[in-house]
Amino acid sequence: MAKTLRSFLFVPGDSEKKLAKAGGLEADALILDLEDAVLPANKAKARKMCAAFLKSTKTHLQTSAQIWVRVNPLDSEYIDADLAVIVPLSPAGIVLPKPDGPVDIETLSRRLDELEAAHGLVAGGIKILPVATETARAVMSLSLYPRTYLPRLLGLSWGAEDLATDIGALTNKGADGNFAFTYQMVRSQTLLAAKAAGVQAVDTLYDDFRDKDGLRARAGAAFSEGFTGMLAIHPTQIPIINKSFTPTPAQIRHAQAVVQAFADNPTAGAVQISGKMLDIPHLKQAQNVLALYEGYGE
């Protein structure tokens, strides 16, 4: 079973200090960022630094995290150089910003096919995680993901900042500080599209990294709703996200009890546990909890 990734930490690709610390962090995945965190004048420098980091993880740098790279958009002037430098070093995956939809995942997949073959890498080994909602066109394409064969697709994530810019909004927040209706709707659509496609649903980042209680509430709600992981922008967010997206001991014990009750009564359509009648949907929920626990490698 492939490991389910709970926490994805962005690390600016041109920050020597942050790259030096990244290997010792407990994120499930590190995303070396060549896009938004890097000014145009620093793109080449960031590329070289990310390449050095990838090389070090294959030699002496000890880290349990998967190493991903957020490249620049497919229609940018930087994408060819990004892929030429990064792919030969075999990162776990590519985070693709601003795709229009599955068609861009197919395009990137073909380019990865060519580069993997050229460098003797395992075919299909590099996965793809698109930030799938950064334009209005992309949002309207979410329903196409479950209908498109995308074997490299690890999951779907979403973003609100670039989407607000694309649609001409002044803000993506409501008066209460939470996401406005449009962005809540997009978040739900991303979750449903990911589940329909059978891939991970990865919630967007929580931008106030000092607000640990707010992050804990957002991450806990996301896990309850069906998201399996979350983006992070600061190392202090990692332990909160990892804990929030891991089933609790009580949830695991309950799930095991439900599965065992049905195993003990194989002809029953419903069983009684702690005075409550549970039916087949409850069994499937319990099986999902245990599968998540195994997937997180706990």
C-alpha atoms as a PDB file:
ATOM      1  CA  MET A   1       0.000   0.000   0.000  1.00  0.00           C
ATOM      2  CA  ALA A   2       1.350   3.412  -0.990  1.00  0.00           C
ATOM      3  CA  LYS A   3       1.820   5.752   1.925  1.00  0.00           C
ATOM      4  CA  THR A   4      -0.848   8.408   2.349  1.00  0.00           C
ATOM      5  CA  LEU A   5       0.755  11.826   2.741  1.00  0.00           C
ATOM      6  CA  ARG A   6      -0.689  14.013   5.488  1.00  0.00           C
ATOM      7  CA  SER A   7       1.567  17.078   5.495  1.00  0.00           C
ATOM      8  CA  PHE A   8       3.109  18.829   2.482  1.00  0.00           C
ATOM      9  CA  LEU A   9       5.521  21.607   3.525  1.00  0.00           C
ATOM     10  CA  PHE A  10       6.515  24.269   1.007  1.00  0.00           C
ATOM     11  CA  VAL A  11      10.225  25.142   1.133  1.00  0.00           C
ATOM     12  CA  PRO A  12      11.443  28.146  -0.933  1.00  0.00           C
ATOM     13  CA  GLY A  13      13.869  26.775  -3.486  1.00  0.00           C
ATOM     14  CA  ASP A  14      16.250  29.725  -3.208  1.00  0.00           C
ATOM     15  CA  SER A  15      16.507  29.804   0.592  1.00  0.00           C
ATOM     16  CA  GLU A  16      19.712  28.157   1.733  1.00  0.00           C
ATOM     17  CA  LYS A  17      18.683  28.478   5.381  1.00  0.00           C
ATOM     18  CA  LYS A  18      15.275  26.864   4.953  1.00  0.00           C
ATOM     19  CA  LEU A  19      16.576  24.097   2.706  1.00  0.00           C
ATOM     20  CA  ALA A  20      19.257  23.296   5.290  1.00  0.00           C
ATOM     21  CA  LYS A  21      16.614  22.813   7.977  1.00  0.00           C
ATOM     22  CA  ALA A  22      14.063  20.976   5.817  1.00  0.00           C
ATOM     23  CA  GLY A  23      15.683  17.546   5.968  1.00  0.00           C
ATOM     24  CA  GLY A  24      15.248  17.364   9.731  1.00  0.00           C
ATOM     25  CA  LEU A  25      11.538  18.140   9.718  1.00  0.00           C
ATOM     26  CA  GLU A  26       8.779  15.566  10.145  1.00  0.00           C
ATOM     27  CA  ALA A  27       6.645  16.477   7.146  1.00  0.00           C
ATOM     28  CA  ASP A  28       5.427  13.534   5.105  1.00  0.00           C
ATOM     29  CA  ALA A  29       6.416  15.482   2.001  1.00  0.00           C
ATOM     30  CA  LEU A  30       8.664  18.466   1.345  1.00  0.00           C
ATOM     31  CA  ILE A  31       7.748  20.623  -1.650  1.00  0.00           C
ATOM     32  CA  LEU A  32      10.805  22.447  -2.963  1.00  0.00           C
ATOM     33  CA  ASP A  33       9.245  25.537  -4.506  1.00  0.00           C
ATOM     34  CA  LEU A  34      10.455  26.944  -7.807  1.00  0.00           C
ATOM     35  CA  GLU A  35       7.301  28.951  -8.466  1.00  0.00           C
ATOM     36  CA  ASP A  36       5.620  31.588  -6.296  1.00  0.00           C
ATOM     37  CA  ALA A  37       8.297  31.676  -3.585  1.00  0.00           C
ATOM     38  CA  VAL A  38      11.054  32.516  -6.089  1.00  0.00           C
ATOM     39  CA  LEU A  39      11.500  35.807  -7.920  1.00  0.00           C
ATOM     40  CA  PRO A  40      12.253  35.602 -11.672  1.00  0.00           C
ATOM     41  CA  ALA A  41      15.849  36.741 -11.121  1.00  0.00           C
ATOM     42  CA  ASN A  42      16.412  33.804  -8.753  1.00  0.00           C
ATOM     43  CA  LYS A  43      14.839  31.002 -10.785  1.00  0.00           C
ATOM     44  CA  ALA A  44      18.133  29.582 -12.085  1.00  0.00           C
ATOM     45  CA  LYS A  45      19.720  29.774  -8.640  1.00  0.00           C
ATOM     46  CA  ALA A  46      16.726  28.044  -7.044  1.00  0.00           C
ATOM     47  CA  ARG A  47      16.879  25.291  -9.658  1.00  0.00           C
ATOM     48  CA  LYS A  48      20.515  24.557  -8.811  1.00  0.00           C
ATOM     49  CA  MET A  49      19.850  24.616  -5.066  1.00  0.00           C
ATOM     50  CA  CYS A  50      16.900  22.248  -5.373  1.00  0.00           C
ATOM     51  CA  ALA A  51      18.990  19.918  -7.522  1.00  0.00           C
ATOM     52  CA  ALA A  52      21.703  19.912  -4.862  1.00  0.00           C
ATOM     53  CA  PHE A  53      19.123  19.140  -2.192  1.00  0.00           C
ATOM     54  CA  LEU A  54      17.728  16.228  -4.198  1.00  0.00           C
ATOM     55  CA  LYS A  55      21.226  14.849  -4.734  1.00  0.00           C
ATOM     56  CA  SER A  56      21.993  15.105  -1.027  1.00  0.00           C
ATOM     57  CA  THR A  57      18.880  13.139  -0.063  1.00  0.00           C
ATOM     58  CA  LYS A  58      20.169  10.261  -2.168  1.00  0.00           C
ATOM     59  CA  THR A  59      23.574  10.302  -0.490  1.00  0.00           C
ATOM     60  CA  HIS A  60      24.008  11.545   3.082  1.00  0.00           C
ATOM     61  CA  LEU A  61      20.956  13.633   4.051  1.00  0.00           C
ATOM     62  CA  GLN A  62      18.676  11.519   6.199  1.00  0.00           C
ATOM     63  CA  THR A  63      14.980  12.363   5.896  1.00  0.00           C
ATOM     64  CA  SER A  64      11.838  10.258   5.957  1.00  0.00           C
ATOM     65  CA  ALA A  65       9.981  12.844   3.882  1.00  0.00           C
ATOM     66  CA  GLN A  66       9.195  12.386   0.228  1.00  0.00           C
ATOM     67  CA  ILE A  67      10.815  15.138  -1.837  1.00  0.00           C
ATOM     68  CA  TRP A  68       8.507  16.900  -4.274  1.00  0.00           C
ATOM     69  CA  VAL A  69       9.144  19.958  -6.445  1.00  0.00           C
ATOM     70  CA  ARG A  70       6.654  22.637  -7.397  1.00  0.00           C
ATOM     71  CA  VAL A  71       7.678  23.633 -10.897  1.00  0.00           C
ATOM     72  CA  ASN A  72       6.506  26.692 -12.785  1.00  0.00           C
ATOM     73  CA  PRO A  73       3.299  26.521 -14.872  1.00  0.00           C
ATOM     74  CA  LEU A  74       3.338  24.616 -18.152  1.00  0.00           C
ATOM     75  CA  ASP A  75       2.903  27.797 -20.173  1.00  0.00           C
ATOM     76  CA  SER A  76       5.770  29.611 -18.434  1.00  0.00           C
ATOM     77  CA  GLU A  77       9.214  30.277 -19.868  1.00  0.00           C
ATOM     78  CA  TYR A  78      10.785  28.325 -16.992  1.00  0.00           C
ATOM     79  CA  ILE A  79       9.122  24.922 -17.250  1.00  0.00           C
ATOM     80  CA  ASP A  80      11.562  23.335 -19.719  1.00  0.00           C
ATOM     81  CA  ALA A  81      14.573  24.171 -17.556  1.00  0.00           C
ATOM     82  CA  ASP A  82      12.715  23.100 -14.398  1.00  0.00           C
ATOM     83  CA  LEU A  83      11.981  19.647 -15.767  1.00  0.00           C
ATOM     84  CA  ALA A  84      15.386  19.220 -17.417  1.00  0.00           C
ATOM     85  CA  VAL A  85      17.193  19.832 -14.126  1.00  0.00           C
ATOM     86  CA  ILE A  86      14.793  18.197 -11.668  1.00  0.00           C
ATOM     87  CA  VAL A  87      13.448  15.053 -13.355  1.00  0.00           C
ATOM     88  CA  PRO A  88      16.840  13.276 -13.796  1.00  0.00           C
ATOM     89  CA  LEU A  89      17.191  13.409  -9.999  1.00  0.00           C
ATOM     90  CA  SER A  90      13.973  11.419  -9.605  1.00  0.00           C
ATOM     91  CA  PRO A  91      11.891  13.378  -7.095  1.00  0.00           C
ATOM     92  CA  ALA A  92       8.880  11.594  -5.615  1.00  0.00           C
ATOM     93  CA  GLY A  93       6.601  13.935  -7.469  1.00  0.00           C
ATOM     94  CA  ILE A  94       5.888  17.205  -9.232  1.00  0.00           C
ATOM     95  CA  VAL A  95       3.426  19.769  -7.891  1.00  0.00           C
ATOM     96  CA  LEU A  96       1.890  21.483 -10.911  1.00  0.00           C
ATOM     97  CA  PRO A  97       0.516  25.008 -10.410  1.00  0.00           C
ATOM     98  CA  LYS A  98      -2.225  26.623 -12.476  1.00  0.00           C
ATOM     99  CA  PRO A  99      -3.261  23.677 -14.670  1.00  0.00           C
ATOM    100  CA  ASP A 100      -6.357  24.230 -16.814  1.00  0.00           C
ATOM    101  CA  GLY A 101      -7.510  20.695 -16.067  1.00  0.00           C
ATOM    102  CA  PRO A 102      -6.643  17.037 -16.725  1.00  0.00           C
ATOM    103  CA  VAL A 103      -5.328  17.926 -20.173  1.00  0.00           C
ATOM    104  CA  ASP A 104      -2.357  19.634 -18.535  1.00  0.00           C
ATOM    105  CA  ILE A 105      -1.717  16.586 -16.349  1.00  0.00           C
ATOM    106  CA  GLU A 106      -1.663  14.490 -19.525  1.00  0.00           C
ATOM    107  CA  THR A 107       0.793  16.925 -21.138  1.00  0.00           C
ATOM    108  CA  LEU A 108       3.107  16.878 -18.119  1.00  0.00           C
ATOM    109  CA  SER A 109       2.837  13.087 -17.925  1.00  0.00           C
ATOM    110  CA  ARG A 110       4.030  12.724 -21.521  1.00  0.00           C
ATOM    111  CA  ARG A 111       7.016  14.964 -20.824  1.00  0.00           C
ATOM    112  CA  LEU A 112       7.840  12.936 -17.733  1.00  0.00           C
ATOM    113  CA  ASP A 113       7.554   9.741 -19.800  1.00  0.00           C
ATOM    114  CA  GLU A 114      10.167  11.063 -22.227  1.00  0.00           C
ATOM    115  CA  LEU A 115      12.556  12.296 -19.550  1.00  0.00           C
ATOM    116  CA  GLU A 116      12.286   9.145 -17.434  1.00  0.00           C
ATOM    117  CA  ALA A 117      13.056   7.016 -20.493  1.00  0.00           C
ATOM    118  CA  ALA A 118      15.970   9.253 -21.490  1.00  0.00           C
ATOM    119  CA  HIS A 119      17.551   9.006 -18.035  1.00  0.00           C
ATOM    120  CA  GLY A 120      16.856   5.343 -17.349  1.00  0.00           C
ATOM    121  CA  LEU A 121      14.350   6.006 -14.564  1.00  0.00           C
ATOM    122  CA  VAL A 122      11.449   3.787 -13.558  1.00  0.00           C
ATOM    123  CA  ALA A 123       8.551   4.545 -15.890  1.00  0.00           C
ATOM    124  CA  GLY A 124       5.742   6.331 -14.095  1.00  0.00           C
ATOM    125  CA  GLY A 125       7.733   6.665 -10.892  1.00  0.00           C
ATOM    126  CA  ILE A 126       7.304  10.423 -10.566  1.00  0.00           C
ATOM    127  CA  LYS A 127       3.788  11.327  -9.409  1.00  0.00           C
ATOM    128  CA  ILE A 128       1.834  14.537  -9.963  1.00  0.00           C
ATOM    129  CA  LEU A 129      -0.152  16.686  -7.536  1.00  0.00           C
ATOM    130  CA  PRO A 130      -1.907  19.591  -9.258  1.00  0.00           C
ATOM    131  CA  VAL A 131      -3.110  22.685  -7.450  1.00  0.00           C
ATOM    132  CA  ALA A 132      -6.278  22.157  -9.393  1.00  0.00           C
ATOM    133  CA  THR A 133      -8.348  25.315  -8.819  1.00  0.00           C
ATOM    134  CA  GLU A 134      -6.150  28.357  -9.397  1.00  0.00           C
ATOM    135  CA  THR A 135      -8.160  29.628 -12.370  1.00  0.00           C
ATOM    136  CA  ALA A 136     -11.867  29.733 -13.179  1.00  0.00           C
ATOM    137  CA  ARG A 137     -11.214  27.452 -16.174  1.00  0.00           C
ATOM    138  CA  ALA A 138      -9.539  24.944 -13.868  1.00  0.00           C
ATOM    139  CA  VAL A 139     -12.501  24.909 -11.476  1.00  0.00           C
ATOM    140  CA  MET A 140     -14.875  24.171 -14.344  1.00  0.00           C
ATOM    141  CA  SER A 141     -12.645  21.212 -15.308  1.00  0.00           C
ATOM    142  CA  LEU A 142     -12.671  19.454 -11.918  1.00  0.00           C
ATOM    143  CA  SER A 143     -15.397  17.031 -12.974  1.00  0.00           C
ATOM    144  CA  LEU A 144     -13.154  15.747 -15.785  1.00  0.00           C
ATOM    145  CA  TYR A 145     -10.515  14.268 -13.467  1.00  0.00           C
ATOM    146  CA  PRO A 146     -12.511  11.124 -12.579  1.00  0.00           C
ATOM    147  CA  ARG A 147     -13.168  10.549 -16.309  1.00  0.00           C
ATOM    148  CA  THR A 148      -9.527  10.824 -17.386  1.00  0.00           C
ATOM    149  CA  TYR A 149      -6.892   8.106 -17.121  1.00  0.00           C
ATOM    150  CA  LEU A 150      -4.100   9.716 -15.115  1.00  0.00           C
ATOM    151  CA  PRO A 151      -1.886   6.994 -13.602  1.00  0.00           C
ATOM    152  CA  ARG A 152       0.608   9.536 -12.225  1.00  0.00           C
ATOM    153  CA  LEU A 153      -2.060  11.486 -10.331  1.00  0.00           C
ATOM    154  CA  LEU A 154      -1.444  11.262  -6.569  1.00  0.00           C
ATOM    155  CA  GLY A 155      -4.201  13.616  -5.542  1.00  0.00           C
ATOM    156  CA  LEU A 156      -5.905  16.949  -6.012  1.00  0.00           C
ATOM    157  CA  SER A 157      -5.253  20.064  -3.998  1.00  0.00           C
ATOM    158  CA  TRP A 158      -6.805  23.478  -4.310  1.00  0.00           C
ATOM    159  CA  GLY A 159      -5.850  27.104  -3.874  1.00  0.00           C
ATOM    160  CA  ALA A 160      -7.754  30.316  -3.188  1.00  0.00           C
ATOM    161  CA  GLU A 161      -5.234  33.115  -3.700  1.00  0.00           C
ATOM    162  CA  ASP A 162      -4.627  32.773  -7.430  1.00  0.00           C
ATOM    163  CA  LEU A 163      -8.283  31.958  -8.031  1.00  0.00           C
ATOM    164  CA  ALA A 164      -9.335  35.228  -6.411  1.00  0.00           C
ATOM    165  CA  THR A 165      -6.917  37.065  -8.667  1.00  0.00           C
ATOM    166  CA  ASP A 166      -8.156  35.227 -11.756  1.00  0.00           C
ATOM    167  CA  ILE A 167     -11.804  36.104 -11.167  1.00  0.00           C
ATOM    168  CA  GLY A 168     -11.094  39.698 -10.145  1.00  0.00           C
ATOM    169  CA  ALA A 169     -12.126  39.324  -6.490  1.00  0.00           C
ATOM    170  CA  LEU A 170     -10.865  41.786  -3.891  1.00  0.00           C
ATOM    171  CA  THR A 171     -10.615  39.020  -1.283  1.00  0.00           C
ATOM    172  CA  ASN A 172     -11.337  35.322  -0.860  1.00  0.00           C
ATOM    173  CA  LYS A 173     -12.545  35.782   2.730  1.00  0.00           C
ATOM    174  CA  GLY A 174     -15.922  36.699   4.166  1.00  0.00           C
ATOM    175  CA  ALA A 175     -16.608  39.162   6.951  1.00  0.00           C
ATOM    176  CA  ASP A 176     -16.083  36.393   9.519  1.00  0.00           C
ATOM    177  CA  GLY A 177     -12.541  35.711   8.253  1.00  0.00           C
ATOM    178  CA  ASN A 178     -13.437  32.336   6.761  1.00  0.00           C
ATOM    179  CA  PHE A 179     -13.428  31.526   3.061  1.00  0.00           C
ATOM    180  CA  ALA A 180     -16.264  33.171   1.147  1.00  0.00           C
ATOM    181  CA  PHE A 181     -18.946  30.982  -0.420  1.00  0.00           C
ATOM    182  CA  THR A 182     -17.260  30.679  -3.828  1.00  0.00           C
ATOM    183  CA  TYR A 183     -14.090  29.245  -2.271  1.00  0.00           C
ATOM    184  CA  GLN A 184     -15.972  26.932   0.073  1.00  0.00           C
ATOM    185  CA  MET A 185     -17.784  25.591  -2.977  1.00  0.00           C
ATOM    186  CA  VAL A 186     -14.500  25.097  -4.852  1.00  0.00           C
ATOM    187  CA  ARG A 187     -13.038  23.299  -1.832  1.00  0.00           C
ATOM    188  CA  SER A 188     -15.989  20.886  -1.782  1.00  0.00           C
ATOM    189  CA  GLN A 189     -15.751  20.318  -5.521  1.00  0.00           C
ATOM    190  CA  THR A 190     -12.059  19.448  -5.155  1.00  0.00           C
ATOM    191  CA  LEU A 191     -12.847  16.946  -2.409  1.00  0.00           C
ATOM    192  CA  LEU A 192     -15.563  15.277  -4.486  1.00  0.00           C
ATOM    193  CA  ALA A 193     -13.438  15.194  -7.647  1.00  0.00           C
ATOM    194  CA  ALA A 194     -10.532  13.601  -5.771  1.00  0.00           C
ATOM    195  CA  LYS A 195     -12.756  10.958  -4.187  1.00  0.00           C
ATOM    196  CA  ALA A 196     -14.425  10.194  -7.508  1.00  0.00           C
ATOM    197  CA  ALA A 197     -10.991   9.823  -9.109  1.00  0.00           C
ATOM    198  CA  GLY A 198      -9.769   7.572  -6.283  1.00  0.00           C
ATOM    199  CA  VAL A 199      -6.874   9.836  -5.280  1.00  0.00           C
ATOM    200  CA  GLN A 200      -5.889  11.889  -2.233  1.00  0.00           C
ATOM    201  CA  ALA A 201      -7.821  15.039  -1.373  1.00  0.00           C
ATOM    202  CA  VAL A 202      -5.335  17.604  -0.048  1.00  0.00           C
ATOM    203  CA  ASP A 203      -6.679  20.715   1.664  1.00  0.00           C
ATOM    204  CA  THR A 204      -5.136  24.106   1.011  1.00  0.00           C
ATOM    205  CA  LEU A 205      -2.782  25.854   3.400  1.00  0.00           C
ATOM    206  CA  TYR A 206      -3.732  27.806   6.514  1.00  0.00           C
ATOM    207  CA  ASP A 207      -1.979  31.108   6.021  1.00  0.00           C
ATOM    208  CA  ASP A 208      -1.759  32.359   9.635  1.00  0.00           C
ATOM    209  CA  PHE A 209       1.015  30.068  10.847  1.00  0.00           C
ATOM    210  CA  ARG A 210       0.975  31.652  14.322  1.00  0.00           C
ATOM    211  CA  ASP A 211      -2.660  30.663  14.870  1.00  0.00           C
ATOM    212  CA  LYS A 212      -2.217  27.073  16.015  1.00  0.00           C
ATOM    213  CA  ASP A 213      -5.755  26.760  17.361  1.00  0.00           C
ATOM    214  CA  GLY A 214      -7.183  27.935  14.066  1.00  0.00           C
ATOM    215  CA  LEU A 215      -5.054  25.467  12.146  1.00  0.00           C
ATOM    216  CA  ARG A 216      -6.038  22.659  14.490  1.00  0.00           C
ATOM    217  CA  ALA A 217      -9.724  23.443  13.959  1.00  0.00           C
ATOM    218  CA  ARG A 218      -9.362  23.713  10.161  1.00  0.00           C
ATOM    219  CA  ALA A 219      -7.316  20.519   9.849  1.00  0.00           C
ATOM    220  CA  GLY A 220      -9.587  18.550  12.164  1.00  0.00           C
ATOM    221  CA  ALA A 221     -12.642  19.610  10.194  1.00  0.00           C
ATOM    222  CA  ALA A 222     -10.936  18.724   6.914  1.00  0.00           C
ATOM    223  CA  PHE A 223     -10.095  15.233   8.158  1.00  0.00           C
ATOM    224  CA  SER A 224     -13.679  14.716   9.334  1.00  0.00           C
ATOM    225  CA  GLU A 225     -14.968  15.785   5.920  1.00  0.00           C
ATOM    226  CA  GLY A 226     -12.771  13.341   4.009  1.00  0.00           C
ATOM    227  CA  PHE A 227      -9.563  15.199   3.188  1.00  0.00           C
ATOM    228  CA  THR A 228      -6.481  13.063   3.759  1.00  0.00           C
ATOM    229  CA  GLY A 229      -3.773  15.728   3.970  1.00  0.00           C
ATOM    230  CA  MET A 230      -3.000  19.436   3.955  1.00  0.00           C
ATOM    231  CA  LEU A 231      -0.495  21.911   2.587  1.00  0.00           C
ATOM    232  CA  ALA A 232       1.749  23.753   5.060  1.00  0.00           C
ATOM    233  CA  ILE A 233       3.781  26.969   4.864  1.00  0.00           C
ATOM    234  CA  HIS A 234       5.685  26.787   8.159  1.00  0.00           C
ATOM    235  CA  PRO A 235       7.446  23.967  10.046  1.00  0.00           C
ATOM    236  CA  THR A 236       5.401  24.610  13.205  1.00  0.00           C
ATOM    237  CA  GLN A 237       2.292  23.514  11.298  1.00  0.00           C
ATOM    238  CA  ILE A 238       3.614  20.019  10.581  1.00  0.00           C
ATOM    239  CA  PRO A 239       2.936  18.248  13.907  1.00  0.00           C
ATOM    240  CA  ILE A 240      -0.573  19.730  14.105  1.00  0.00           C
ATOM    241  CA  ILE A 241      -1.403  18.585  10.582  1.00  0.00           C
ATOM    242  CA  ASN A 242       0.088  15.111  11.069  1.00  0.00           C
ATOM    243  CA  LYS A 243      -1.871  14.579  14.278  1.00  0.00           C
ATOM    244  CA  SER A 244      -5.096  16.013  12.857  1.00  0.00           C
ATOM    245  CA  PHE A 245      -5.032  13.692   9.843  1.00  0.00           C
ATOM    246  CA  THR A 246      -4.211  10.541  11.830  1.00  0.00           C
ATOM    247  CA  PRO A 247      -7.113   8.547  13.295  1.00  0.00           C
ATOM    248  CA  THR A 248      -7.119   8.761  17.085  1.00  0.00           C
ATOM    249  CA  PRO A 249      -6.698   5.634  19.232  1.00  0.00           C
ATOM    250  CA  ALA A 250     -10.385   5.880  20.145  1.00  0.00           C
ATOM    251  CA  GLN A 251     -11.398   6.053  16.473  1.00  0.00           C
ATOM    252  CA  ILE A 252      -9.193   3.068  15.671  1.00  0.00           C
ATOM    253  CA  ARG A 253     -10.584   0.993  18.551  1.00  0.00           C
ATOM    254  CA  HIS A 254     -14.144   1.789  17.506  1.00  0.00           C
ATOM    255  CA  ALA A 255     -13.405   0.933  13.879  1.00  0.00           C
ATOM    256  CA  GLN A 256     -11.834  -2.371  14.903  1.00  0.00           C
ATOM    257  CA  ALA A 257     -14.861  -3.161  17.070  1.00  0.00           C
ATOM    258  CA  VAL A 258     -17.253  -2.475  14.192  1.00  0.00           C
ATOM    259  CA  VAL A 259     -15.276  -4.624  11.757  1.00  0.00           C
ATOM    260  CA  GLN A 260     -15.046  -7.427  14.322  1.00  0.00           C
ATOM    261  CA  ALA A 261     -18.776  -7.269  15.094  1.00  0.00           C
ATOM    262  CA  PHE A 262     -19.651  -7.765  11.446  1.00  0.00           C
ATOM    263  CA  ALA A 263     -17.036 -10.523  11.126  1.00  0.00           C
ATOM    264  CA  ASP A 264     -18.671 -12.297  14.074  1.00  0.00           C
ATOM    265  CA  ASN A 265     -22.091 -11.942  12.432  1.00  0.00           C
ATOM    266  CA  PRO A 266     -21.434 -12.488   8.717  1.00  0.00           C
ATOM    267  CA  THR A 267     -25.112 -12.800   7.773  1.00  0.00           C
ATOM    268  CA  ALA A 268     -26.223  -9.687   9.656  1.00  0.00           C
ATOM    269  CA  GLY A 269     -27.072  -6.438   7.899  1.00  0.00           C
ATOM    270  CA  ALA A 270     -26.742  -4.540  11.160  1.00  0.00           C
ATOM    271  CA  VAL A 271     -25.015  -5.068  14.507  1.00  0.00           C
ATOM    272  CA  GLN A 272     -25.309  -3.503  17.939  1.00  0.00           C
ATOM    273  CA  ILE A 273     -22.361  -1.764  19.581  1.00  0.00           C
ATOM    274  CA  SER A 274     -22.673   0.238  22.818  1.00  0.00           C
ATOM    275  CA  GLY A 275     -26.432   0.386  22.468  1.00  0.00           C
ATOM    276  CA  LYS A 276     -26.383   1.689  18.885  1.00  0.00           C
ATOM    277  CA  MET A 277     -27.431  -0.144  15.753  1.00  0.00           C
ATOM    278  CA  LEU A 278     -24.828   0.078  12.998  1.00  0.00           C
ATOM    279  CA  ASP A 279     -25.374  -0.997   9.395  1.00  0.00           C
ATOM    280  CA  ILE A 280     -23.225  -1.525   6.293  1.00  0.00           C
ATOM    281  CA  PRO A 281     -22.350   2.169   5.735  1.00  0.00           C
ATOM    282  CA  HIS A 282     -20.912   2.180   9.268  1.00  0.00           C
ATOM    283  CA  LEU A 283     -18.855  -0.895   8.394  1.00  0.00           C
ATOM    284  CA  LYS A 284     -17.468   0.856   5.319  1.00  0.00           C
ATOM    285  CA  GLN A 285     -16.625   3.931   7.399  1.00  0.00           C
ATOM    286  CA  ALA A 286     -14.776   1.721   9.878  1.00  0.00           C
ATOM    287  CA  GLN A 287     -12.864   0.032   7.076  1.00  0.00           C
ATOM    288  CA  ASN A 288     -11.926   3.474   5.706  1.00  0.00           C
ATOM    289  CA  VAL A 289     -10.540   4.541   9.090  1.00  0.00           C
ATOM    290  CA  LEU A 290      -8.391   1.404   9.348  1.00  0.00           C
ATOM    291  CA  ALA A 291      -7.205   1.780   5.745  1.00  0.00           C
ATOM    292  CA  LEU A 292      -6.200   5.368   6.460  1.00  0.00           C
ATOM    293  CA  TYR A 293      -4.289   4.283   9.540  1.00  0.00           C
ATOM    294  CA  GLU A 294      -2.389   1.675   7.551  1.00  0.00           C
ATOM    295  CA  GLY A 295      -1.832   4.154   4.717  1.00  0.00           C
ATOM    296  CA  TYR A 296      -0.220   6.686   7.032  1.00  0.00           C
ATOM    297  CA  GLY A 297       2.291   4.069   8.064  1.00  0.00           C
ATOM    298  CA  GLU A 298       1.558   4.496  11.762  1.00  0.00           C
END
